Amino acid sequence: MCPTTPESCILEKLQLLNTRVSTAFSGCAGISASRFRLLQELFTAEEIGQSALQKLLGIDGAAVTRHLKQLETNGFVTRRSSPEDNRITLVRLTEHGRAHIDGFLQEKSLLTEKLLAGFDADERLLLANMLERMHRNAESL
């Protein structure tokens, strides 16, 4: 356990967990967790504006641009200017990107099962609910 207060222990463990899970996911799937989240959003949308995608993900525009540039270089996405408004950049998954989503989802599922080993269904639900509450609280930070 942590030698400090429960509150500081929670924050410390969340930070360590984020680092370990991100590293493990990147190692298994060959793509960062952030880029995977971006691909997941694109998987559900036929085509979406880059600014709208940024708002959905809740990350800054420069980070979205960097992620998209790398994903485009790797053939996962395409970008084009909107025919109605050249200021808007539209993004979509390529067939190559769609083909890789299933593999990424399988890696995510395996990693999640390893992470939650030993947790019963009630504990998993309780944890999910508590994390959701923390996420909502964090939105006001």
Protein backbone atom coordinates (compact mmCIF):
# COMPACT_ATOMS: atom_id res chain seq x y z
CA MET A 1 0.00 0.00 0.00
CA CYS A 2 0.91 3.64 -0.19
CA PRO A 3 2.63 5.25 2.77
CA THR A 4 0.66 8.47 2.20
CA THR A 5 -3.00 9.51 2.30
CA PRO A 6 -5.54 7.43 0.36
CA GLU A 7 -6.16 10.39 -1.95
CA SER A 8 -2.53 10.81 -2.94
CA CYS A 9 -2.16 7.04 -3.26
CA ILE A 10 -5.10 6.95 -5.69
CA LEU A 11 -3.62 9.67 -7.88
CA GLU A 12 -0.19 8.06 -7.81
CA LYS A 13 -1.59 4.63 -8.73
CA LEU A 14 -3.72 6.10 -11.53
CA GLN A 15 -0.66 7.81 -13.01
CA LEU A 16 1.44 4.63 -12.80
CA LEU A 17 -1.39 2.53 -14.18
CA ASN A 18 -1.86 4.89 -17.12
CA THR A 19 1.84 4.70 -17.97
CA ARG A 20 2.00 0.90 -17.68
CA VAL A 21 -1.20 0.25 -19.60
CA SER A 22 -0.25 2.69 -22.38
CA THR A 23 3.17 1.09 -22.71
CA ALA A 24 1.73 -2.43 -22.66
CA PHE A 25 -0.94 -1.58 -25.25
CA SER A 26 1.59 0.07 -27.55
CA GLY A 27 3.84 -2.97 -27.25
CA CYS A 28 1.04 -5.44 -28.02
CA ALA A 29 -0.85 -3.55 -30.69
CA GLY A 30 2.01 -1.58 -32.20
CA ILE A 31 0.03 1.66 -31.87
CA SER A 32 -0.38 4.13 -29.02
CA ALA A 33 -3.54 4.10 -26.93
CA SER A 34 -4.23 7.70 -28.02
CA ARG A 35 -4.06 6.81 -31.70
CA PHE A 36 -6.22 3.76 -31.08
CA ARG A 37 -8.90 5.96 -29.47
CA LEU A 38 -8.75 8.21 -32.52
CA LEU A 39 -9.14 5.22 -34.85
CA GLN A 40 -12.09 3.94 -32.80
CA GLU A 41 -13.89 7.26 -33.24
CA LEU A 42 -13.22 7.19 -36.97
CA PHE A 43 -14.45 3.59 -37.15
CA THR A 44 -17.90 4.67 -35.97
CA ALA A 45 -18.02 7.76 -38.20
CA GLU A 46 -17.96 7.55 -41.98
CA GLU A 47 -16.13 10.85 -42.20
CA ILE A 48 -15.64 13.57 -39.61
CA GLY A 49 -14.11 17.02 -39.41
CA GLN A 50 -10.74 17.19 -37.71
CA SER A 51 -12.01 19.82 -35.24
CA ALA A 52 -15.04 17.70 -34.35
CA LEU A 53 -12.74 14.72 -33.81
CA GLN A 54 -10.55 16.81 -31.53
CA LYS A 55 -13.59 17.78 -29.41
CA LEU A 56 -14.76 14.17 -29.19
CA LEU A 57 -11.36 13.03 -27.96
CA GLY A 58 -10.85 15.98 -25.64
CA ILE A 59 -7.24 16.58 -26.71
CA ASP A 60 -5.61 19.64 -28.20
CA GLY A 61 -5.67 20.32 -31.93
CA ALA A 62 -1.91 20.03 -32.37
CA ALA A 63 -1.94 16.52 -30.87
CA VAL A 64 -4.76 15.45 -33.20
CA THR A 65 -2.82 16.83 -36.17
CA ARG A 66 0.33 14.92 -35.14
CA HIS A 67 -1.61 11.69 -34.63
CA LEU A 68 -3.42 12.05 -37.95
CA LYS A 69 -0.22 12.84 -39.82
CA GLN A 70 1.40 9.64 -38.52
CA LEU A 71 -1.73 7.56 -39.15
CA GLU A 72 -1.93 8.98 -42.68
CA THR A 73 1.74 8.13 -43.28
CA ASN A 74 1.01 4.56 -42.14
CA GLY A 75 -2.02 4.32 -44.44
CA PHE A 76 -4.69 4.15 -41.72
CA VAL A 77 -6.50 7.41 -42.55
CA THR A 78 -6.97 9.91 -45.34
CA ARG A 79 -7.58 13.63 -44.99
CA ARG A 80 -9.13 16.03 -47.47
CA SER A 81 -10.49 19.55 -47.53
CA SER A 82 -14.25 19.90 -47.31
CA PRO A 83 -15.72 20.79 -50.71
CA GLU A 84 -18.12 23.20 -48.95
CA ASP A 85 -15.49 24.94 -46.81
CA ASN A 86 -11.74 24.65 -47.49
CA ARG A 87 -10.99 25.57 -43.86
CA ILE A 88 -12.44 22.25 -42.70
CA THR A 89 -10.32 19.10 -42.94
CA LEU A 90 -12.31 15.88 -43.23
CA VAL A 91 -10.86 12.61 -41.98
CA ARG A 92 -11.82 9.00 -42.67
CA LEU A 93 -10.44 5.53 -42.13
CA THR A 94 -8.92 3.77 -45.11
CA GLU A 95 -9.68 0.12 -45.84
CA HIS A 96 -6.23 -0.62 -44.41
CA GLY A 97 -7.24 1.17 -41.20
CA ARG A 98 -10.57 -0.66 -40.98
CA ALA A 99 -8.82 -3.99 -41.46
CA HIS A 100 -6.54 -3.32 -38.49
CA ILE A 101 -9.25 -2.23 -36.04
CA ASP A 102 -10.26 -5.82 -35.22
CA GLY A 103 -6.70 -6.73 -34.29
CA PHE A 104 -6.40 -3.65 -32.09
CA LEU A 105 -9.71 -4.50 -30.39
CA GLN A 106 -8.51 -8.04 -29.69
CA GLU A 107 -5.29 -6.71 -28.14
CA LYS A 108 -7.33 -4.27 -26.04
CA SER A 109 -9.59 -7.08 -24.87
CA LEU A 110 -6.65 -9.32 -23.91
CA LEU A 111 -4.95 -6.50 -22.05
CA THR A 112 -8.18 -5.62 -20.22
CA GLU A 113 -8.69 -9.22 -19.12
CA LYS A 114 -5.13 -9.40 -17.77
CA LEU A 115 -5.59 -6.10 -15.97
CA LEU A 116 -8.87 -7.19 -14.37
CA ALA A 117 -7.79 -10.73 -13.46
CA GLY A 118 -9.15 -11.62 -10.04
CA PHE A 119 -11.96 -9.05 -10.16
CA ASP A 120 -15.45 -10.55 -10.11
CA ALA A 121 -18.34 -9.05 -12.11
CA ASP A 122 -19.57 -6.91 -9.21
CA GLU A 123 -16.09 -5.50 -8.57
CA ARG A 124 -15.67 -4.70 -12.27
CA LEU A 125 -18.99 -2.86 -12.34
CA LEU A 126 -18.15 -0.96 -9.16
CA LEU A 127 -14.75 0.02 -10.54
CA ALA A 128 -16.28 1.14 -13.85
CA ASN A 129 -18.83 3.28 -12.02
CA MET A 130 -16.22 4.88 -9.76
CA LEU A 131 -13.93 5.63 -12.70
CA GLU A 132 -16.85 7.17 -14.60
CA ARG A 133 -17.57 9.44 -11.62
CA MET A 134 -13.91 10.44 -11.43
CA HIS A 135 -13.94 11.17 -15.17
CA ARG A 136 -16.97 13.44 -14.78
CA ASN A 137 -15.28 15.21 -11.84
CA ALA A 138 -12.12 15.68 -13.92
CA GLU A 139 -14.06 17.46 -16.67
CA SER A 140 -14.35 20.50 -14.40
CA LEU A 141 -10.59 20.72 -13.77
